[in-house]
């Protein structure tokens, strides 16, 4: 009959081999997850959500950890993995934009009015048209807002819980993507704007740059946009079909 002590080395070897196999399996799952996440982002024409990626990774793999690893891996390459809100996309490295510039591409510049309105919406959102006009001191034409919406940078957020229930405006994920921002809180602050020469002359002592709230968060004073609201705004025809 075998002594109990004689079995201990074999049990120890089995445990060690089992641990090694589990470690190897985890390493293979991690590498596979990196490849899957890379393929999903590469294949998509639009930024891909973290949730969409995590649903397709091996069980037990955290998507944010994988994506930050990929971001680090691509940091010094010609394309970078960038975060846009809670979405991810591959973009040309900022310092290489000159190399792929298409000189034949038509450059469309926003008017001064459109730039002012965009800046107000970005920093003050959720904001109504009346509030924009109050800040600018002049009326805002429908055409100016149309230009920003056609560019995909501005959207209707909700309805303000105030008399008349005015529509509130905010920026989109495409706005963040175009201007290279991960989130709204990455918008330049007062000192950064001064350093870039965008604020000059005498600045009032009580002047400050507002801190935008989260991208998709509705404030306590907002109700979400409904289908009836969209029909009222002319974005949907009665019955729910989008207007062409």
C-alpha atoms as a PDB file:
ATOM      1  CA  UNK A   1       0.000   0.000   0.000  1.00  0.00           C
ATOM      2  CA  UNK A   2       1.498   3.342  -1.009  1.00  0.00           C
ATOM      3  CA  UNK A   3       2.454   5.762   1.701  1.00  0.00           C
ATOM      4  CA  UNK A   4       0.502   9.060   1.700  1.00  0.00           C
ATOM      5  CA  UNK A   5       3.787  10.969   1.556  1.00  0.00           C
ATOM      6  CA  UNK A   6       4.642   9.210  -1.692  1.00  0.00           C
ATOM      7  CA  UNK A   7       1.559  10.750  -3.352  1.00  0.00           C
ATOM      8  CA  UNK A   8       2.318  14.335  -2.430  1.00  0.00           C
ATOM      9  CA  UNK A   9       4.889  15.017  -5.192  1.00  0.00           C
ATOM     10  CA  UNK A  10       2.489  13.691  -7.838  1.00  0.00           C
ATOM     11  CA  UNK A  11      -0.345  15.840  -6.469  1.00  0.00           C
ATOM     12  CA  UNK A  12       1.966  18.836  -6.453  1.00  0.00           C
ATOM     13  CA  UNK A  13       2.986  18.220 -10.048  1.00  0.00           C
ATOM     14  CA  UNK A  14      -0.657  17.943 -11.120  1.00  0.00           C
ATOM     15  CA  UNK A  15      -1.510  21.217  -9.405  1.00  0.00           C
ATOM     16  CA  UNK A  16       1.468  22.936 -11.006  1.00  0.00           C
ATOM     17  CA  UNK A  17       0.555  21.613 -14.449  1.00  0.00           C
ATOM     18  CA  UNK A  18      -3.066  22.652 -13.956  1.00  0.00           C
ATOM     19  CA  UNK A  19      -1.980  26.127 -12.933  1.00  0.00           C
ATOM     20  CA  UNK A  20       0.337  26.381 -15.931  1.00  0.00           C
ATOM     21  CA  UNK A  21      -2.471  25.283 -18.273  1.00  0.00           C
ATOM     22  CA  UNK A  22      -4.841  27.864 -16.809  1.00  0.00           C
ATOM     23  CA  UNK A  23      -2.213  30.582 -17.159  1.00  0.00           C
ATOM     24  CA  UNK A  24      -1.560  29.584 -20.759  1.00  0.00           C
ATOM     25  CA  UNK A  25      -5.288  29.575 -21.507  1.00  0.00           C
ATOM     26  CA  UNK A  26      -5.681  33.039 -20.006  1.00  0.00           C
ATOM     27  CA  UNK A  27      -2.767  34.322 -22.088  1.00  0.00           C
ATOM     28  CA  UNK A  28      -4.271  32.868 -25.276  1.00  0.00           C
ATOM     29  CA  UNK A  29      -7.676  34.391 -24.444  1.00  0.00           C
ATOM     30  CA  UNK A  30      -6.029  37.777 -23.888  1.00  0.00           C
ATOM     31  CA  UNK A  31      -4.206  37.649 -27.223  1.00  0.00           C
ATOM     32  CA  UNK A  32      -7.377  36.539 -28.983  1.00  0.00           C
ATOM     33  CA  UNK A  33      -9.318  39.364 -27.332  1.00  0.00           C
ATOM     34  CA  UNK A  34      -6.743  41.879 -28.575  1.00  0.00           C
ATOM     35  CA  UNK A  35      -7.133  40.564 -32.122  1.00  0.00           C
ATOM     36  CA  UNK A  36     -10.950  40.586 -31.927  1.00  0.00           C
ATOM     37  CA  UNK A  37     -11.115  44.130 -30.576  1.00  0.00           C
ATOM     38  CA  UNK A  38      -8.619  45.331 -33.176  1.00  0.00           C
ATOM     39  CA  UNK A  39     -10.625  43.720 -35.990  1.00  0.00           C
ATOM     40  CA  UNK A  40     -13.955  45.125 -34.774  1.00  0.00           C
ATOM     41  CA  UNK A  41     -12.663  48.693 -34.609  1.00  0.00           C
ATOM     42  CA  UNK A  42     -10.764  48.413 -37.892  1.00  0.00           C
ATOM     43  CA  UNK A  43     -13.760  47.032 -39.783  1.00  0.00           C
ATOM     44  CA  UNK A  44     -16.184  49.722 -38.645  1.00  0.00           C
ATOM     45  CA  UNK A  45     -16.655  53.005 -40.496  1.00  0.00           C
ATOM     46  CA  UNK A  46     -17.915  54.595 -37.257  1.00  0.00           C
ATOM     47  CA  UNK A  47     -16.516  54.559 -33.702  1.00  0.00           C
ATOM     48  CA  UNK A  48     -17.426  51.288 -31.961  1.00  0.00           C
ATOM     49  CA  UNK A  49     -18.915  51.192 -28.473  1.00  0.00           C
ATOM     50  CA  UNK A  50     -17.146  49.484 -25.578  1.00  0.00           C
ATOM     51  CA  UNK A  51     -20.284  47.416 -24.925  1.00  0.00           C
ATOM     52  CA  UNK A  52     -20.400  46.134 -28.514  1.00  0.00           C
ATOM     53  CA  UNK A  53     -16.781  45.002 -28.262  1.00  0.00           C
ATOM     54  CA  UNK A  54     -17.126  43.389 -24.828  1.00  0.00           C
ATOM     55  CA  UNK A  55     -20.062  41.269 -25.996  1.00  0.00           C
ATOM     56  CA  UNK A  56     -17.761  39.652 -28.568  1.00  0.00           C
ATOM     57  CA  UNK A  57     -14.709  38.985 -26.396  1.00  0.00           C
ATOM     58  CA  UNK A  58     -13.909  35.706 -24.614  1.00  0.00           C
ATOM     59  CA  UNK A  59     -15.786  35.360 -21.339  1.00  0.00           C
ATOM     60  CA  UNK A  60     -14.117  37.059 -18.404  1.00  0.00           C
ATOM     61  CA  UNK A  61     -12.168  39.572 -20.529  1.00  0.00           C
ATOM     62  CA  UNK A  62     -12.779  43.246 -19.659  1.00  0.00           C
ATOM     63  CA  UNK A  63     -13.084  45.312 -22.841  1.00  0.00           C
ATOM     64  CA  UNK A  64     -11.704  48.536 -21.352  1.00  0.00           C
ATOM     65  CA  UNK A  65      -8.498  46.762 -20.316  1.00  0.00           C
ATOM     66  CA  UNK A  66      -8.081  45.307 -23.809  1.00  0.00           C
ATOM     67  CA  UNK A  67      -8.785  48.632 -25.496  1.00  0.00           C
ATOM     68  CA  UNK A  68      -6.349  50.557 -23.320  1.00  0.00           C
ATOM     69  CA  UNK A  69      -3.720  47.931 -24.106  1.00  0.00           C
ATOM     70  CA  UNK A  70      -4.380  48.394 -27.828  1.00  0.00           C
ATOM     71  CA  UNK A  71      -4.266  52.166 -27.380  1.00  0.00           C
ATOM     72  CA  UNK A  72      -0.835  51.841 -25.807  1.00  0.00           C
ATOM     73  CA  UNK A  73       0.347  49.437 -28.539  1.00  0.00           C
ATOM     74  CA  UNK A  74      -0.677  51.872 -31.288  1.00  0.00           C
ATOM     75  CA  UNK A  75       0.529  55.047 -29.545  1.00  0.00           C
ATOM     76  CA  UNK A  76       3.779  55.330 -31.539  1.00  0.00           C
ATOM     77  CA  UNK A  77       2.413  54.075 -34.870  1.00  0.00           C
ATOM     78  CA  UNK A  78       1.039  55.846 -37.940  1.00  0.00           C
ATOM     79  CA  UNK A  79      -2.505  55.238 -36.785  1.00  0.00           C
ATOM     80  CA  UNK A  80      -3.691  55.579 -33.214  1.00  0.00           C
ATOM     81  CA  UNK A  81      -6.583  54.019 -31.356  1.00  0.00           C
ATOM     82  CA  UNK A  82      -8.578  56.929 -29.958  1.00  0.00           C
ATOM     83  CA  UNK A  83     -11.456  57.049 -27.504  1.00  0.00           C
ATOM     84  CA  UNK A  84     -14.495  59.103 -28.431  1.00  0.00           C
ATOM     85  CA  UNK A  85     -16.843  59.257 -25.461  1.00  0.00           C
ATOM     86  CA  UNK A  86     -17.450  55.523 -24.765  1.00  0.00           C
ATOM     87  CA  UNK A  87     -16.616  54.555 -28.365  1.00  0.00           C
ATOM     88  CA  UNK A  88     -13.322  53.677 -30.087  1.00  0.00           C
ATOM     89  CA  UNK A  89     -11.854  54.314 -33.541  1.00  0.00           C
ATOM     90  CA  UNK A  90      -8.579  54.199 -35.456  1.00  0.00           C
ATOM     91  CA  UNK A  91      -7.376  57.612 -36.591  1.00  0.00           C
ATOM     92  CA  UNK A  92      -4.263  58.876 -38.364  1.00  0.00           C
ATOM     93  CA  UNK A  93      -1.625  60.069 -35.913  1.00  0.00           C
ATOM     94  CA  UNK A  94      -2.060  63.809 -35.475  1.00  0.00           C
ATOM     95  CA  UNK A  95       1.542  64.613 -36.432  1.00  0.00           C
ATOM     96  CA  UNK A  96       1.155  62.801 -39.782  1.00  0.00           C
ATOM     97  CA  UNK A  97      -1.918  64.611 -41.069  1.00  0.00           C
ATOM     98  CA  UNK A  98       0.269  66.610 -43.489  1.00  0.00           C
ATOM     99  CA  UNK A  99       1.375  63.416 -45.234  1.00  0.00           C
ATOM    100  CA  UNK A 100      -2.113  62.325 -46.259  1.00  0.00           C
ATOM    101  CA  UNK A 101      -3.642  65.730 -46.883  1.00  0.00           C
ATOM    102  CA  UNK A 102      -5.710  65.822 -50.046  1.00  0.00           C
ATOM    103  CA  UNK A 103      -5.033  69.199 -51.652  1.00  0.00           C
ATOM    104  CA  UNK A 104      -7.914  68.683 -54.059  1.00  0.00           C
ATOM    105  CA  UNK A 105     -10.456  68.273 -51.289  1.00  0.00           C
ATOM    106  CA  UNK A 106     -12.816  71.158 -50.918  1.00  0.00           C
ATOM    107  CA  UNK A 107     -12.295  72.944 -47.634  1.00  0.00           C
ATOM    108  CA  UNK A 108     -15.540  74.168 -46.128  1.00  0.00           C
ATOM    109  CA  UNK A 109     -15.154  76.836 -43.493  1.00  0.00           C
ATOM    110  CA  UNK A 110     -17.800  77.691 -40.975  1.00  0.00           C
ATOM    111  CA  UNK A 111     -18.981  81.261 -40.814  1.00  0.00           C
ATOM    112  CA  UNK A 112     -18.104  83.321 -37.749  1.00  0.00           C
ATOM    113  CA  UNK A 113     -21.733  83.065 -36.618  1.00  0.00           C
ATOM    114  CA  UNK A 114     -21.663  79.266 -36.922  1.00  0.00           C
ATOM    115  CA  UNK A 115     -18.404  79.064 -34.965  1.00  0.00           C
ATOM    116  CA  UNK A 116     -19.833  81.245 -32.214  1.00  0.00           C
ATOM    117  CA  UNK A 117     -23.007  79.176 -31.990  1.00  0.00           C
ATOM    118  CA  UNK A 118     -21.026  75.916 -31.974  1.00  0.00           C
ATOM    119  CA  UNK A 119     -18.789  77.181 -29.174  1.00  0.00           C
ATOM    120  CA  UNK A 120     -21.767  78.300 -27.100  1.00  0.00           C
ATOM    121  CA  UNK A 121     -23.514  74.955 -27.553  1.00  0.00           C
ATOM    122  CA  UNK A 122     -20.338  73.023 -26.727  1.00  0.00           C
ATOM    123  CA  UNK A 123     -19.634  74.884 -23.486  1.00  0.00           C
ATOM    124  CA  UNK A 124     -23.168  75.676 -22.300  1.00  0.00           C
ATOM    125  CA  UNK A 125     -25.103  72.553 -23.290  1.00  0.00           C
ATOM    126  CA  UNK A 126     -27.887  71.843 -22.700  1.00  0.00           C
ATOM    127  CA  UNK A 127     -28.784  75.231 -24.162  1.00  0.00           C
ATOM    128  CA  UNK A 128     -31.845  76.600 -25.952  1.00  0.00           C
ATOM    129  CA  UNK A 129     -31.892  78.830 -29.016  1.00  0.00           C
ATOM    130  CA  UNK A 130     -33.120  81.748 -26.900  1.00  0.00           C
ATOM    131  CA  UNK A 131     -30.194  81.260 -24.504  1.00  0.00           C
ATOM    132  CA  UNK A 132     -27.747  81.201 -27.421  1.00  0.00           C
ATOM    133  CA  UNK A 133     -29.188  84.483 -28.680  1.00  0.00           C
ATOM    134  CA  UNK A 134     -28.992  85.976 -25.181  1.00  0.00           C
ATOM    135  CA  UNK A 135     -25.283  85.083 -24.950  1.00  0.00           C
ATOM    136  CA  UNK A 136     -24.463  86.358 -28.460  1.00  0.00           C
ATOM    137  CA  UNK A 137     -26.688  89.395 -28.251  1.00  0.00           C
ATOM    138  CA  UNK A 138     -28.087  88.808 -31.739  1.00  0.00           C
ATOM    139  CA  UNK A 139     -30.645  86.516 -33.320  1.00  0.00           C
ATOM    140  CA  UNK A 140     -29.516  83.114 -34.562  1.00  0.00           C
ATOM    141  CA  UNK A 141     -30.764  82.173 -37.995  1.00  0.00           C
ATOM    142  CA  UNK A 142     -32.204  78.731 -38.657  1.00  0.00           C
ATOM    143  CA  UNK A 143     -29.629  78.374 -41.428  1.00  0.00           C
ATOM    144  CA  UNK A 144     -26.764  78.581 -38.945  1.00  0.00           C
ATOM    145  CA  UNK A 145     -28.161  75.738 -36.855  1.00  0.00           C
ATOM    146  CA  UNK A 146     -28.951  73.766 -40.022  1.00  0.00           C
ATOM    147  CA  UNK A 147     -25.296  73.984 -41.095  1.00  0.00           C
ATOM    148  CA  UNK A 148     -24.117  72.628 -37.736  1.00  0.00           C
ATOM    149  CA  UNK A 149     -26.669  69.825 -37.792  1.00  0.00           C
ATOM    150  CA  UNK A 150     -25.841  68.868 -41.367  1.00  0.00           C
ATOM    151  CA  UNK A 151     -22.190  68.656 -40.330  1.00  0.00           C
ATOM    152  CA  UNK A 152     -23.327  66.189 -37.656  1.00  0.00           C
ATOM    153  CA  UNK A 153     -21.902  68.249 -34.791  1.00  0.00           C
ATOM    154  CA  UNK A 154     -25.098  69.485 -33.131  1.00  0.00           C
ATOM    155  CA  UNK A 155     -28.258  67.624 -32.134  1.00  0.00           C
ATOM    156  CA  UNK A 156     -31.555  68.153 -30.353  1.00  0.00           C
ATOM    157  CA  UNK A 157     -31.089  66.877 -26.792  1.00  0.00           C
ATOM    158  CA  UNK A 158     -34.478  67.234 -25.106  1.00  0.00           C
ATOM    159  CA  UNK A 159     -37.189  69.667 -24.018  1.00  0.00           C
ATOM    160  CA  UNK A 160     -36.627  72.143 -21.188  1.00  0.00           C
ATOM    161  CA  UNK A 161     -39.106  71.901 -18.311  1.00  0.00           C
ATOM    162  CA  UNK A 162     -40.071  75.548 -18.565  1.00  0.00           C
ATOM    163  CA  UNK A 163     -42.898  77.527 -20.186  1.00  0.00           C
ATOM    164  CA  UNK A 164     -43.108  76.687 -23.865  1.00  0.00           C
ATOM    165  CA  UNK A 165     -40.897  73.609 -23.342  1.00  0.00           C
ATOM    166  CA  UNK A 166     -38.114  74.921 -25.631  1.00  0.00           C
ATOM    167  CA  UNK A 167     -35.854  72.405 -27.355  1.00  0.00           C
ATOM    168  CA  UNK A 168     -32.370  72.020 -25.887  1.00  0.00           C
ATOM    169  CA  UNK A 169     -29.291  71.632 -28.070  1.00  0.00           C
ATOM    170  CA  UNK A 170     -26.049  69.751 -27.531  1.00  0.00           C
ATOM    171  CA  UNK A 171     -23.049  68.397 -29.410  1.00  0.00           C
ATOM    172  CA  UNK A 172     -22.719  64.925 -30.896  1.00  0.00           C
ATOM    173  CA  UNK A 173     -20.159  62.136 -30.787  1.00  0.00           C
ATOM    174  CA  UNK A 174     -19.062  63.220 -34.298  1.00  0.00           C
ATOM    175  CA  UNK A 175     -18.198  66.614 -32.813  1.00  0.00           C
ATOM    176  CA  UNK A 176     -15.878  64.943 -30.305  1.00  0.00           C
ATOM    177  CA  UNK A 177     -14.393  62.745 -33.027  1.00  0.00           C
ATOM    178  CA  UNK A 178     -13.750  65.632 -35.425  1.00  0.00           C
ATOM    179  CA  UNK A 179     -12.037  67.796 -32.830  1.00  0.00           C
ATOM    180  CA  UNK A 180     -10.045  64.940 -31.286  1.00  0.00           C
ATOM    181  CA  UNK A 181     -11.768  64.976 -27.893  1.00  0.00           C
ATOM    182  CA  UNK A 182     -12.376  61.897 -25.762  1.00  0.00           C
ATOM    183  CA  UNK A 183     -15.139  63.641 -23.835  1.00  0.00           C
ATOM    184  CA  UNK A 184     -16.639  67.099 -23.379  1.00  0.00           C
ATOM    185  CA  UNK A 185     -14.506  67.740 -20.322  1.00  0.00           C
ATOM    186  CA  UNK A 186     -11.482  67.770 -22.647  1.00  0.00           C
ATOM    187  CA  UNK A 187     -12.621  71.088 -24.140  1.00  0.00           C
ATOM    188  CA  UNK A 188      -9.933  73.738 -23.531  1.00  0.00           C
ATOM    189  CA  UNK A 189     -10.283  75.806 -20.390  1.00  0.00           C
ATOM    190  CA  UNK A 190      -9.672  79.501 -19.802  1.00  0.00           C
ATOM    191  CA  UNK A 191      -5.876  79.307 -19.570  1.00  0.00           C
ATOM    192  CA  UNK A 192      -5.634  77.068 -22.643  1.00  0.00           C
ATOM    193  CA  UNK A 193      -7.779  79.464 -24.666  1.00  0.00           C
ATOM    194  CA  UNK A 194      -5.601  82.372 -23.558  1.00  0.00           C
ATOM    195  CA  UNK A 195      -2.450  80.454 -24.508  1.00  0.00           C
ATOM    196  CA  UNK A 196      -3.853  79.725 -27.954  1.00  0.00           C
ATOM    197  CA  UNK A 197      -4.568  83.424 -28.491  1.00  0.00           C
ATOM    198  CA  UNK A 198      -8.312  82.844 -28.691  1.00  0.00           C
ATOM    199  CA  UNK A 199      -9.008  85.192 -25.792  1.00  0.00           C
ATOM    200  CA  UNK A 200      -7.434  88.610 -25.996  1.00  0.00           C
ATOM    201  CA  UNK A 201      -7.982  92.085 -24.672  1.00  0.00           C
ATOM    202  CA  UNK A 202      -9.442  92.822 -21.272  1.00  0.00           C
ATOM    203  CA  UNK A 203     -11.279  89.847 -19.782  1.00  0.00           C
ATOM    204  CA  UNK A 204     -13.880  90.623 -17.076  1.00  0.00           C
ATOM    205  CA  UNK A 205     -12.833  89.585 -13.583  1.00  0.00           C
ATOM    206  CA  UNK A 206     -15.846  87.305 -13.187  1.00  0.00           C
ATOM    207  CA  UNK A 207     -15.384  85.685 -16.613  1.00  0.00           C
ATOM    208  CA  UNK A 208     -15.211  81.887 -16.519  1.00  0.00           C
ATOM    209  CA  UNK A 209     -15.442  78.933 -18.871  1.00  0.00           C
ATOM    210  CA  UNK A 210     -18.364  76.615 -17.982  1.00  0.00           C
ATOM    211  CA  UNK A 211     -17.661  72.922 -17.518  1.00  0.00           C
ATOM    212  CA  UNK A 212     -19.960  70.908 -19.809  1.00  0.00           C
ATOM    213  CA  UNK A 213     -21.870  68.000 -18.352  1.00  0.00           C
ATOM    214  CA  UNK A 214     -21.616  64.420 -19.621  1.00  0.00           C
ATOM    215  CA  UNK A 215     -22.324  63.824 -23.313  1.00  0.00           C
ATOM    216  CA  UNK A 216     -25.586  61.882 -23.059  1.00  0.00           C
ATOM    217  CA  UNK A 217     -26.762  62.959 -19.631  1.00  0.00           C
ATOM    218  CA  UNK A 218     -30.096  64.747 -19.437  1.00  0.00           C
ATOM    219  CA  UNK A 219     -30.228  67.424 -16.774  1.00  0.00           C
ATOM    220  CA  UNK A 220     -32.932  67.524 -14.119  1.00  0.00           C
ATOM    221  CA  UNK A 221     -34.595  70.308 -16.130  1.00  0.00           C
ATOM    222  CA  UNK A 222     -34.820  68.287 -19.359  1.00  0.00           C
ATOM    223  CA  UNK A 223     -37.253  65.732 -20.738  1.00  0.00           C
ATOM    224  CA  UNK A 224     -36.130  63.356 -23.491  1.00  0.00           C
ATOM    225  CA  UNK A 225     -37.104  63.992 -27.107  1.00  0.00           C
ATOM    226  CA  UNK A 226     -40.099  61.871 -28.160  1.00  0.00           C
ATOM    227  CA  UNK A 227     -41.488  60.911 -31.559  1.00  0.00           C
ATOM    228  CA  UNK A 228     -44.183  63.571 -31.192  1.00  0.00           C
ATOM    229  CA  UNK A 229     -41.469  66.142 -30.512  1.00  0.00           C
ATOM    230  CA  UNK A 230     -39.637  65.094 -33.676  1.00  0.00           C
ATOM    231  CA  UNK A 231     -42.835  65.396 -35.692  1.00  0.00           C
ATOM    232  CA  UNK A 232     -43.411  68.844 -34.223  1.00  0.00           C
ATOM    233  CA  UNK A 233     -39.865  69.853 -35.134  1.00  0.00           C
ATOM    234  CA  UNK A 234     -40.382  68.599 -38.683  1.00  0.00           C
ATOM    235  CA  UNK A 235     -37.815  65.791 -38.375  1.00  0.00           C
ATOM    236  CA  UNK A 236     -40.438  63.039 -38.733  1.00  0.00           C
ATOM    237  CA  UNK A 237     -43.614  62.904 -40.747  1.00  0.00           C
ATOM    238  CA  UNK A 238     -46.759  61.740 -38.907  1.00  0.00           C
ATOM    239  CA  UNK A 239     -46.470  57.990 -38.525  1.00  0.00           C
ATOM    240  CA  UNK A 240     -42.820  57.995 -37.675  1.00  0.00           C
ATOM    241  CA  UNK A 241     -41.143  58.091 -41.099  1.00  0.00           C
ATOM    242  CA  UNK A 242     -38.149  60.351 -41.436  1.00  0.00           C
ATOM    243  CA  UNK A 243     -38.454  63.202 -43.857  1.00  0.00           C
ATOM    244  CA  UNK A 244     -36.065  63.150 -46.817  1.00  0.00           C
END
